[in-house]
C-alpha atoms as a PDB file:
ATOM      1  CA  MET A   1       0.000   0.000   0.000  1.00  0.00           C
ATOM      2  CA  THR A   2       1.524   3.329  -1.039  1.00  0.00           C
ATOM      3  CA  ILE A   3      -1.339   5.765  -0.691  1.00  0.00           C
ATOM      4  CA  SER A   4      -2.152   7.556   2.509  1.00  0.00           C
ATOM      5  CA  SER A   5      -4.626  10.083   3.769  1.00  0.00           C
ATOM      6  CA  THR A   6      -5.106  11.801   7.083  1.00  0.00           C
ATOM      7  CA  ALA A   7      -8.078  13.198   8.912  1.00  0.00           C
ATOM      8  CA  ALA A   8      -6.659  16.632   8.122  1.00  0.00           C
ATOM      9  CA  ASP A   9      -6.782  16.098   4.352  1.00  0.00           C
ATOM     10  CA  THR A  10      -9.864  17.428   2.640  1.00  0.00           C
ATOM     11  CA  ALA A  11     -11.745  15.448   0.038  1.00  0.00           C
ATOM     12  CA  GLY A  12     -10.874  18.003  -2.628  1.00  0.00           C
ATOM     13  CA  ALA A  13      -7.888  15.986  -3.762  1.00  0.00           C
ATOM     14  CA  LYS A  14     -10.238  13.241  -4.933  1.00  0.00           C
ATOM     15  CA  HIS A  15     -11.725  15.684  -7.401  1.00  0.00           C
ATOM     16  CA  GLY A  16      -8.524  16.881  -9.034  1.00  0.00           C
ATOM     17  CA  GLU A  17      -7.856  19.672  -6.553  1.00  0.00           C
ATOM     18  CA  LEU A  18      -4.826  20.464  -4.456  1.00  0.00           C
ATOM     19  CA  VAL A  19      -4.714  18.480  -1.230  1.00  0.00           C
ATOM     20  CA  ARG A  20      -5.509  20.782   1.673  1.00  0.00           C
ATOM     21  CA  ARG A  21      -4.723  20.559   5.371  1.00  0.00           C
ATOM     22  CA  LEU A  22      -6.763  21.919   8.205  1.00  0.00           C
ATOM     23  CA  ILE A  23      -5.299  24.654  10.395  1.00  0.00           C
ATOM     24  CA  PRO A  24      -5.785  23.243  13.899  1.00  0.00           C
ATOM     25  CA  ALA A  25      -6.243  26.657  15.530  1.00  0.00           C
ATOM     26  CA  SER A  26      -9.208  27.311  13.221  1.00  0.00           C
ATOM     27  CA  GLY A  27     -11.197  24.673  15.058  1.00  0.00           C
ATOM     28  CA  GLY A  28     -11.634  22.722  11.863  1.00  0.00           C
ATOM     29  CA  SER A  29     -13.111  25.596   9.847  1.00  0.00           C
ATOM     30  CA  GLU A  30     -10.129  26.543   7.664  1.00  0.00           C
ATOM     31  CA  SER A  31      -7.660  24.676   5.514  1.00  0.00           C
ATOM     32  CA  VAL A  32      -4.847  25.624   3.136  1.00  0.00           C
ATOM     33  CA  PRO A  33      -3.360  23.828   0.123  1.00  0.00           C
ATOM     34  CA  VAL A  34      -0.231  21.852   0.997  1.00  0.00           C
ATOM     35  CA  ILE A  35       1.891  23.648  -1.625  1.00  0.00           C
ATOM     36  CA  GLY A  36       2.654  27.288  -0.907  1.00  0.00           C
ATOM     37  CA  LEU A  37       5.221  29.815  -2.082  1.00  0.00           C
ATOM     38  CA  GLY A  38       8.274  31.267  -0.381  1.00  0.00           C
ATOM     39  CA  THR A  39       9.732  34.618  -1.451  1.00  0.00           C
ATOM     40  CA  TRP A  40      13.291  34.535  -0.130  1.00  0.00           C
ATOM     41  CA  ASN A  41      15.699  35.767  -2.856  1.00  0.00           C
ATOM     42  CA  THR A  42      13.165  35.273  -5.648  1.00  0.00           C
ATOM     43  CA  PHE A  43      10.879  38.247  -4.923  1.00  0.00           C
ATOM     44  CA  ASP A  44      13.657  40.652  -3.955  1.00  0.00           C
ATOM     45  CA  VAL A  45      13.577  42.569  -7.245  1.00  0.00           C
ATOM     46  CA  GLY A  46      13.218  46.202  -8.285  1.00  0.00           C
ATOM     47  CA  GLN A  47      10.560  48.075 -10.225  1.00  0.00           C
ATOM     48  CA  ASP A  48      11.721  46.947 -13.664  1.00  0.00           C
ATOM     49  CA  ALA A  49       8.850  45.239 -15.486  1.00  0.00           C
ATOM     50  CA  VAL A  50      11.286  42.789 -17.062  1.00  0.00           C
ATOM     51  CA  ASP A  51      12.375  41.587 -13.611  1.00  0.00           C
ATOM     52  CA  ARG A  52       8.803  41.316 -12.396  1.00  0.00           C
ATOM     53  CA  ALA A  53       7.300  39.609 -15.431  1.00  0.00           C
ATOM     54  CA  PRO A  54       8.478  36.086 -14.417  1.00  0.00           C
ATOM     55  CA  LEU A  55       7.052  36.595 -10.937  1.00  0.00           C
ATOM     56  CA  LEU A  56       3.677  37.538 -12.353  1.00  0.00           C
ATOM     57  CA  GLU A  57       3.684  34.312 -14.357  1.00  0.00           C
ATOM     58  CA  VAL A  58       4.648  32.352 -11.243  1.00  0.00           C
ATOM     59  CA  LEU A  59       1.739  33.876  -9.342  1.00  0.00           C
ATOM     60  CA  ARG A  60      -0.713  33.273 -12.171  1.00  0.00           C
ATOM     61  CA  ALA A  61       0.216  29.589 -12.200  1.00  0.00           C
ATOM     62  CA  PHE A  62       0.062  29.536  -8.391  1.00  0.00           C
ATOM     63  CA  TYR A  63      -3.483  30.900  -8.275  1.00  0.00           C
ATOM     64  CA  ALA A  64      -4.667  28.901 -11.293  1.00  0.00           C
ATOM     65  CA  ALA A  65      -3.843  25.689  -9.411  1.00  0.00           C
ATOM     66  CA  GLY A  66      -5.776  26.840  -6.349  1.00  0.00           C
ATOM     67  CA  ALA A  67      -2.764  27.584  -4.133  1.00  0.00           C
ATOM     68  CA  LYS A  68      -2.927  30.509  -1.716  1.00  0.00           C
ATOM     69  CA  LEU A  69      -0.258  30.652   1.038  1.00  0.00           C
ATOM     70  CA  ILE A  70       2.633  33.070   0.375  1.00  0.00           C
ATOM     71  CA  ASP A  71       5.367  33.529   2.966  1.00  0.00           C
ATOM     72  CA  SER A  72       7.640  36.567   3.229  1.00  0.00           C
ATOM     73  CA  SER A  73       9.705  38.583   5.715  1.00  0.00           C
ATOM     74  CA  PRO A  74      11.305  42.007   6.208  1.00  0.00           C
ATOM     75  CA  MET A  75      14.577  40.066   6.050  1.00  0.00           C
ATOM     76  CA  TYR A  76      13.972  39.343   2.358  1.00  0.00           C
ATOM     77  CA  GLY A  77      14.792  42.776   0.992  1.00  0.00           C
ATOM     78  CA  ARG A  78      12.001  44.050  -1.253  1.00  0.00           C
ATOM     79  CA  ALA A  79      10.071  40.783  -1.179  1.00  0.00           C
ATOM     80  CA  GLU A  80       7.194  42.083   0.953  1.00  0.00           C
ATOM     81  CA  ALA A  81       6.720  45.141  -1.243  1.00  0.00           C
ATOM     82  CA  VAL A  82       6.902  43.145  -4.456  1.00  0.00           C
ATOM     83  CA  THR A  83       4.487  40.537  -3.093  1.00  0.00           C
ATOM     84  CA  GLY A  84       2.004  43.195  -2.073  1.00  0.00           C
ATOM     85  CA  GLU A  85       2.219  45.004  -5.395  1.00  0.00           C
ATOM     86  CA  LEU A  86       1.923  41.897  -7.569  1.00  0.00           C
ATOM     87  CA  VAL A  87      -0.897  40.318  -5.582  1.00  0.00           C
ATOM     88  CA  THR A  88      -2.775  43.617  -5.833  1.00  0.00           C
ATOM     89  CA  GLN A  89      -2.021  43.885  -9.548  1.00  0.00           C
ATOM     90  CA  LEU A  90      -3.546  40.451 -10.067  1.00  0.00           C
ATOM     91  CA  HIS A  91      -6.540  41.310  -7.844  1.00  0.00           C
ATOM     92  CA  ARG A  92      -5.905  38.279  -5.687  1.00  0.00           C
ATOM     93  CA  GLN A  93      -5.837  39.893  -2.245  1.00  0.00           C
ATOM     94  CA  HIS A  94      -8.839  37.887  -1.058  1.00  0.00           C
ATOM     95  CA  ARG A  95      -7.508  34.630  -2.494  1.00  0.00           C
ATOM     96  CA  THR A  96      -4.166  34.871  -0.708  1.00  0.00           C
ATOM     97  CA  PHE A  97      -3.131  33.618   2.697  1.00  0.00           C
ATOM     98  CA  LEU A  98      -0.444  36.199   3.552  1.00  0.00           C
ATOM     99  CA  ALA A  99       2.253  35.190   6.000  1.00  0.00           C
ATOM    100  CA  THR A 100       5.150  37.382   7.063  1.00  0.00           C
ATOM    101  CA  LYS A 101       7.415  37.898  10.045  1.00  0.00           C
ATOM    102  CA  VAL A 102       8.905  40.325  12.518  1.00  0.00           C
ATOM    103  CA  TRP A 103      12.703  40.362  12.419  1.00  0.00           C
ATOM    104  CA  VAL A 104      14.165  42.982  14.736  1.00  0.00           C
ATOM    105  CA  ASP A 105      15.035  43.505  18.400  1.00  0.00           C
ATOM    106  CA  GLY A 106      12.948  45.631  20.744  1.00  0.00           C
ATOM    107  CA  LEU A 107       9.262  46.260  21.400  1.00  0.00           C
ATOM    108  CA  GLN A 108       8.799  49.546  19.550  1.00  0.00           C
ATOM    109  CA  GLN A 109      11.098  48.514  16.719  1.00  0.00           C
ATOM    110  CA  GLY A 110       9.033  45.375  16.295  1.00  0.00           C
ATOM    111  CA  ILE A 111       5.749  47.271  16.265  1.00  0.00           C
ATOM    112  CA  ALA A 112       7.126  49.700  13.680  1.00  0.00           C
ATOM    113  CA  GLN A 113       8.372  46.877  11.477  1.00  0.00           C
ATOM    114  CA  ILE A 114       5.053  45.052  11.658  1.00  0.00           C
ATOM    115  CA  GLU A 115       3.140  48.200  10.717  1.00  0.00           C
ATOM    116  CA  ARG A 116       5.470  48.628   7.764  1.00  0.00           C
ATOM    117  CA  SER A 117       4.710  45.042   6.694  1.00  0.00           C
ATOM    118  CA  PHE A 118       0.993  45.835   6.653  1.00  0.00           C
ATOM    119  CA  GLU A 119       1.744  48.753   4.334  1.00  0.00           C
ATOM    120  CA  LEU A 120       4.106  46.860   2.041  1.00  0.00           C
ATOM    121  CA  LEU A 121       1.783  43.872   1.708  1.00  0.00           C
ATOM    122  CA  ARG A 122      -1.122  46.240   1.119  1.00  0.00           C
ATOM    123  CA  THR A 123      -3.399  44.588   3.613  1.00  0.00           C
ATOM    124  CA  GLN A 124      -5.403  45.569   6.685  1.00  0.00           C
ATOM    125  CA  ARG A 125      -5.125  42.086   8.155  1.00  0.00           C
ATOM    126  CA  LEU A 126      -2.351  39.504   8.114  1.00  0.00           C
ATOM    127  CA  ASP A 127      -3.314  35.859   7.975  1.00  0.00           C
ATOM    128  CA  LEU A 128      -0.144  34.781   9.764  1.00  0.00           C
ATOM    129  CA  LEU A 129       2.469  36.822  11.615  1.00  0.00           C
ATOM    130  CA  GLN A 130       5.571  34.935  12.747  1.00  0.00           C
ATOM    131  CA  ILE A 131       8.646  35.733  14.814  1.00  0.00           C
ATOM    132  CA  HIS A 132      11.561  35.210  12.455  1.00  0.00           C
ATOM    133  CA  ASN A 133      14.252  32.844  13.728  1.00  0.00           C
ATOM    134  CA  LEU A 134      12.972  33.327  17.297  1.00  0.00           C
ATOM    135  CA  ARG A 135      14.496  36.802  17.356  1.00  0.00           C
ATOM    136  CA  ASP A 136      13.529  38.563  20.611  1.00  0.00           C
ATOM    137  CA  TRP A 137      10.542  36.250  20.763  1.00  0.00           C
ATOM    138  CA  LYS A 138       9.482  36.979  24.342  1.00  0.00           C
ATOM    139  CA  VAL A 139       9.065  40.660  23.525  1.00  0.00           C
ATOM    140  CA  HIS A 140       7.306  40.142  20.206  1.00  0.00           C
ATOM    141  CA  ALA A 141       4.985  37.410  21.497  1.00  0.00           C
ATOM    142  CA  ALA A 142       3.031  39.993  23.481  1.00  0.00           C
ATOM    143  CA  THR A 143       2.688  42.196  20.394  1.00  0.00           C
ATOM    144  CA  LEU A 144       1.443  39.267  18.315  1.00  0.00           C
ATOM    145  CA  ARG A 145      -1.098  38.347  20.982  1.00  0.00           C
ATOM    146  CA  ALA A 146      -2.400  41.921  21.052  1.00  0.00           C
ATOM    147  CA  LEU A 147      -2.690  42.111  17.265  1.00  0.00           C
ATOM    148  CA  LYS A 148      -4.579  38.819  17.223  1.00  0.00           C
ATOM    149  CA  GLU A 149      -6.984  40.049  19.889  1.00  0.00           C
ATOM    150  CA  GLN A 150      -7.575  43.189  17.796  1.00  0.00           C
ATOM    151  CA  GLY A 151      -8.356  41.070  14.737  1.00  0.00           C
ATOM    152  CA  ARG A 152      -5.474  42.494  12.698  1.00  0.00           C
ATOM    153  CA  VAL A 153      -3.623  39.165  12.756  1.00  0.00           C
ATOM    154  CA  ARG A 154      -5.464  35.883  12.385  1.00  0.00           C
ATOM    155  CA  TYR A 155      -2.729  33.424  13.413  1.00  0.00           C
ATOM    156  CA  THR A 156       0.640  33.712  15.147  1.00  0.00           C
ATOM    157  CA  GLY A 157       3.810  31.687  14.729  1.00  0.00           C
ATOM    158  CA  ILE A 158       7.537  31.239  15.178  1.00  0.00           C
ATOM    159  CA  THR A 159      10.190  30.182  12.692  1.00  0.00           C
ATOM    160  CA  HIS A 160      13.702  28.883  12.209  1.00  0.00           C
ATOM    161  CA  TYR A 161      15.630  27.245   9.411  1.00  0.00           C
ATOM    162  CA  THR A 162      18.247  25.070  11.135  1.00  0.00           C
ATOM    163  CA  VAL A 163      18.207  21.725  12.908  1.00  0.00           C
ATOM    164  CA  ALA A 164      20.258  23.252  15.707  1.00  0.00           C
ATOM    165  CA  ALA A 165      17.257  25.415  16.632  1.00  0.00           C
ATOM    166  CA  HIS A 166      14.713  22.591  16.843  1.00  0.00           C
ATOM    167  CA  ALA A 167      15.113  22.155  20.585  1.00  0.00           C
ATOM    168  CA  ASP A 168      14.606  25.894  21.080  1.00  0.00           C
ATOM    169  CA  LEU A 169      11.508  25.821  18.883  1.00  0.00           C
ATOM    170  CA  GLU A 170      10.009  23.057  20.973  1.00  0.00           C
ATOM    171  CA  GLN A 171      10.823  24.877  24.185  1.00  0.00           C
ATOM    172  CA  VAL A 172       9.143  28.053  22.945  1.00  0.00           C
ATOM    173  CA  LEU A 173       6.080  26.139  21.745  1.00  0.00           C
ATOM    174  CA  ARG A 174       5.754  24.671  25.223  1.00  0.00           C
ATOM    175  CA  ALA A 175       5.919  28.152  26.731  1.00  0.00           C
ATOM    176  CA  GLU A 176       3.706  30.142  24.336  1.00  0.00           C
ATOM    177  CA  PRO A 177       0.535  29.044  22.485  1.00  0.00           C
ATOM    178  CA  PHE A 178       1.544  29.821  18.903  1.00  0.00           C
ATOM    179  CA  ASP A 179      -0.737  28.658  16.098  1.00  0.00           C
ATOM    180  CA  PHE A 180       2.037  27.887  13.600  1.00  0.00           C
ATOM    181  CA  VAL A 181       5.668  26.880  13.555  1.00  0.00           C
ATOM    182  CA  GLN A 182       7.881  27.133  10.489  1.00  0.00           C
ATOM    183  CA  LEU A 183      10.886  24.814  10.346  1.00  0.00           C
ATOM    184  CA  ASN A 184      13.280  23.063   7.996  1.00  0.00           C
ATOM    185  CA  CYS A 185      12.628  19.524   6.866  1.00  0.00           C
ATOM    186  CA  SER A 186      13.431  17.495   3.769  1.00  0.00           C
ATOM    187  CA  ILE A 187      13.890  13.921   2.639  1.00  0.00           C
ATOM    188  CA  ALA A 188      17.559  14.304   3.610  1.00  0.00           C
ATOM    189  CA  THR A 189      17.064  16.330   6.800  1.00  0.00           C
ATOM    190  CA  ARG A 190      14.464  14.483   8.817  1.00  0.00           C
ATOM    191  CA  GLN A 191      15.289  15.451  12.402  1.00  0.00           C
ATOM    192  CA  ALA A 192      11.992  17.334  12.754  1.00  0.00           C
ATOM    193  CA  GLU A 193      10.171  14.016  12.363  1.00  0.00           C
ATOM    194  CA  ARG A 194      11.625  12.706  15.625  1.00  0.00           C
ATOM    195  CA  ARG A 195      10.152  15.178  18.104  1.00  0.00           C
ATOM    196  CA  LEU A 196       8.895  18.443  16.631  1.00  0.00           C
ATOM    197  CA  LEU A 197       6.392  17.129  14.106  1.00  0.00           C
ATOM    198  CA  PRO A 198       4.849  14.626  16.545  1.00  0.00           C
ATOM    199  CA  TYR A 199       4.682  17.364  19.182  1.00  0.00           C
ATOM    200  CA  CYS A 200       2.921  19.744  16.776  1.00  0.00           C
ATOM    201  CA  GLN A 201       0.491  17.056  15.667  1.00  0.00           C
ATOM    202  CA  GLU A 202      -0.365  16.185  19.258  1.00  0.00           C
ATOM    203  CA  HIS A 203      -0.817  19.802  20.339  1.00  0.00           C
ATOM    204  CA  GLY A 204      -2.634  21.175  17.306  1.00  0.00           C
ATOM    205  CA  ILE A 205       0.098  23.393  15.897  1.00  0.00           C
ATOM    206  CA  ALA A 206       0.179  23.991  12.139  1.00  0.00           C
ATOM    207  CA  VAL A 207       3.539  23.396  10.432  1.00  0.00           C
ATOM    208  CA  LEU A 208       5.106  25.275   7.520  1.00  0.00           C
ATOM    209  CA  VAL A 209       8.198  23.650   6.027  1.00  0.00           C
ATOM    210  CA  ASN A 210      11.069  25.640   4.540  1.00  0.00           C
ATOM    211  CA  ARG A 211      14.215  24.502   2.700  1.00  0.00           C
ATOM    212  CA  PRO A 212      12.525  21.454   1.101  1.00  0.00           C
ATOM    213  CA  PHE A 213      15.251  21.096  -1.532  1.00  0.00           C
ATOM    214  CA  GLU A 214      18.195  21.906   0.754  1.00  0.00           C
ATOM    215  CA  GLU A 215      18.870  24.987  -1.406  1.00  0.00           C
ATOM    216  CA  GLY A 216      19.273  22.781  -4.471  1.00  0.00           C
ATOM    217  CA  LYS A 217      21.615  20.224  -2.935  1.00  0.00           C
ATOM    218  CA  LEU A 218      19.053  17.443  -3.299  1.00  0.00           C
ATOM    219  CA  PHE A 219      18.933  17.867  -7.063  1.00  0.00           C
ATOM    220  CA  ALA A 220      22.708  17.588  -7.277  1.00  0.00           C
ATOM    221  CA  GLN A 221      22.511  14.411  -5.249  1.00  0.00           C
ATOM    222  CA  VAL A 222      20.145  12.697  -7.697  1.00  0.00           C
ATOM    223  CA  ARG A 223      21.542  14.144 -10.909  1.00  0.00           C
ATOM    224  CA  GLY A 224      21.626  11.479 -13.596  1.00  0.00           C
ATOM    225  CA  ARG A 225      19.441   9.072 -11.626  1.00  0.00           C
ATOM    226  CA  GLU A 226      16.101   7.859 -12.931  1.00  0.00           C
ATOM    227  CA  LEU A 227      12.990   8.252 -10.836  1.00  0.00           C
ATOM    228  CA  PRO A 228      12.190   5.122  -8.819  1.00  0.00           C
ATOM    229  CA  GLY A 229       9.467   2.856 -10.090  1.00  0.00           C
ATOM    230  CA  TYR A 230       7.012   3.792  -7.354  1.00  0.00           C
ATOM    231  CA  ALA A 231       7.055   7.466  -8.437  1.00  0.00           C
ATOM    232  CA  ARG A 232       4.280   6.813 -10.944  1.00  0.00           C
ATOM    233  CA  GLU A 233       2.123   5.186  -8.248  1.00  0.00           C
ATOM    234  CA  ILE A 234       2.081   8.438  -6.287  1.00  0.00           C
ATOM    235  CA  GLY A 235       1.744  10.664  -9.348  1.00  0.00           C
ATOM    236  CA  CYS A 236       5.310  11.981  -9.477  1.00  0.00           C
ATOM    237  CA  SER A 237       6.992  12.792 -12.781  1.00  0.00           C
ATOM    238  CA  SER A 238       9.984  14.719 -11.394  1.00  0.00           C
ATOM    239  CA  TRP A 239      12.379  14.705  -8.468  1.00  0.00           C
ATOM    240  CA  SER A 240      10.994  17.969  -7.135  1.00  0.00           C
ATOM    241  CA  GLN A 241       7.511  16.454  -6.937  1.00  0.00           C
ATOM    242  CA  LEU A 242       8.872  13.411  -5.170  1.00  0.00           C
ATOM    243  CA  PHE A 243      10.838  15.521  -2.660  1.00  0.00           C
ATOM    244  CA  LEU A 244       7.792  17.666  -1.929  1.00  0.00           C
ATOM    245  CA  LYS A 245       5.388  14.731  -1.646  1.00  0.00           C
ATOM    246  CA  TYR A 246       7.702  13.166   0.900  1.00  0.00           C
ATOM    247  CA  ILE A 247       7.273  16.273   3.051  1.00  0.00           C
ATOM    248  CA  VAL A 248       3.566  16.973   2.663  1.00  0.00           C
ATOM    249  CA  SER A 249       2.620  13.330   3.145  1.00  0.00           C
ATOM    250  CA  HIS A 250       3.605  13.660   6.793  1.00  0.00           C
ATOM    251  CA  PRO A 251       0.296  14.208   8.609  1.00  0.00           C
ATOM    252  CA  ALA A 252       1.714  16.971  10.809  1.00  0.00           C
ATOM    253  CA  VAL A 253       2.763  19.142   7.853  1.00  0.00           C
ATOM    254  CA  THR A 254       0.318  21.848   6.856  1.00  0.00           C
ATOM    255  CA  CYS A 255       2.130  23.446   3.921  1.00  0.00           C
ATOM    256  CA  VAL A 256       5.561  23.485   2.278  1.00  0.00           C
ATOM    257  CA  ILE A 257       6.864  26.777   0.865  1.00  0.00           C
ATOM    258  CA  PRO A 258       9.466  26.329  -1.897  1.00  0.00           C
ATOM    259  CA  ALA A 259      10.588  29.604  -3.469  1.00  0.00           C
ATOM    260  CA  THR A 260      10.906  30.096  -7.210  1.00  0.00           C
ATOM    261  CA  ALA A 261      10.946  32.800  -9.868  1.00  0.00           C
ATOM    262  CA  GLN A 262      10.398  30.373 -12.746  1.00  0.00           C
ATOM    263  CA  ILE A 263       6.957  29.382 -13.939  1.00  0.00           C
ATOM    264  CA  GLY A 264       8.133  25.902 -14.967  1.00  0.00           C
ATOM    265  CA  HIS A 265       9.392  25.222 -11.473  1.00  0.00           C
ATOM    266  CA  MET A 266       6.183  26.600  -9.960  1.00  0.00           C
ATOM    267  CA  GLN A 267       4.040  24.327 -12.124  1.00  0.00           C
ATOM    268  CA  ASP A 268       6.242  21.366 -11.292  1.00  0.00           C
ATOM    269  CA  ASN A 269       6.102  22.073  -7.562  1.00  0.00           C
ATOM    270  CA  LEU A 270       2.336  22.443  -7.621  1.00  0.00           C
ATOM    271  CA  LYS A 271       1.889  18.971  -9.089  1.00  0.00           C
ATOM    272  CA  ALA A 272       3.191  17.550  -5.813  1.00  0.00           C
ATOM    273  CA  GLY A 273      -0.015  18.726  -4.167  1.00  0.00           C
ATOM    274  CA  PHE A 274      -2.256  16.597  -6.360  1.00  0.00           C
ATOM    275  CA  GLY A 275      -3.122  12.920  -6.332  1.00  0.00           C
ATOM    276  CA  PRO A 276      -2.099  10.094  -4.011  1.00  0.00           C
ATOM    277  CA  MET A 277       0.443  10.509  -1.230  1.00  0.00           C
ATOM    278  CA  PRO A 278       2.983   7.967   0.041  1.00  0.00           C
ATOM    279  CA  ASP A 279       2.064   6.172   3.237  1.00  0.00           C
ATOM    280  CA  ALA A 280       4.395   5.797   6.224  1.00  0.00           C
ATOM    281  CA  ASN A 281       6.050   2.648   4.887  1.00  0.00           C
ATOM    282  CA  LEU A 282       6.780   4.162   1.513  1.00  0.00           C
ATOM    283  CA  ARG A 283       8.097   7.331   3.127  1.00  0.00           C
ATOM    284  CA  GLN A 284      10.674   5.227   4.983  1.00  0.00           C
ATOM    285  CA  ARG A 285      11.618   3.442   1.801  1.00  0.00           C
ATOM    286  CA  MET A 286      11.935   6.731  -0.081  1.00  0.00           C
ATOM    287  CA  ALA A 287      14.239   8.206   2.530  1.00  0.00           C
ATOM    288  CA  ALA A 288      16.417   5.096   2.652  1.00  0.00           C
ATOM    289  CA  GLN A 289      16.791   4.849  -1.121  1.00  0.00           C
ATOM    290  CA  LEU A 290      16.997   8.452  -2.230  1.00  0.00           C
ATOM    291  CA  VAL A 291      19.616   9.673   0.201  1.00  0.00           C
ATOM    292  CA  ALA A 292      21.767   6.547   0.066  1.00  0.00           C
END
């Protein structure tokens, strides 16, 4: 048996739609597609229409497939501004789940940065506001709570991108009731599966996954290798789809956020959110074979 489903998966996938996962903090009322979009590096461009044209095509493909979660940060240069401008240009503000972060020290500095993010993303309400890399998290947690109570932020979260920070992430999640955690996980870097993902699943914390391709290292590792025979069984026609399906087939994962500025890559990534998913046994087999 190679196909799996979880109670968090919606039935939409059976009808040719992107698999969606429930956001636990919504009380079962809201879900998001399992394939999202990161903006690190890729959306940090200027005003030149030539530079922005590929990003518009990426977003058109993104929305056409039914995807909606876009993740950004003040750390990513102009990414917030470009995201806000392009989403507005495409008239997709109400079809987008906007996630960004606070990335600065100090209470007032954090408040100012968050207000600037509202302006740059051209929104009156953020779907998800996260504390980037746990920076000054105790100070910012109070601000996030207040913004959520005011209705300006719908969900709160924390993030990091290294395995070394996983213990700190767990400690913070035990101390503060965040709705989301963003962390690194891939078919080659599976430490989050040992403690963090089970903890989040048990305690109703949504999970965003960054660095799914290890910044391209996974593709170098499989260069010249043919896809395994089981790839067709789970609807994969490329390595990127296989790498992403490995991640989103974990029942604790809510959404993975690969970044790209190329429409072909966006279309390829999106295909990982359709069709059957590997079950637990196949996931183990995939990890053992593909990183050997």
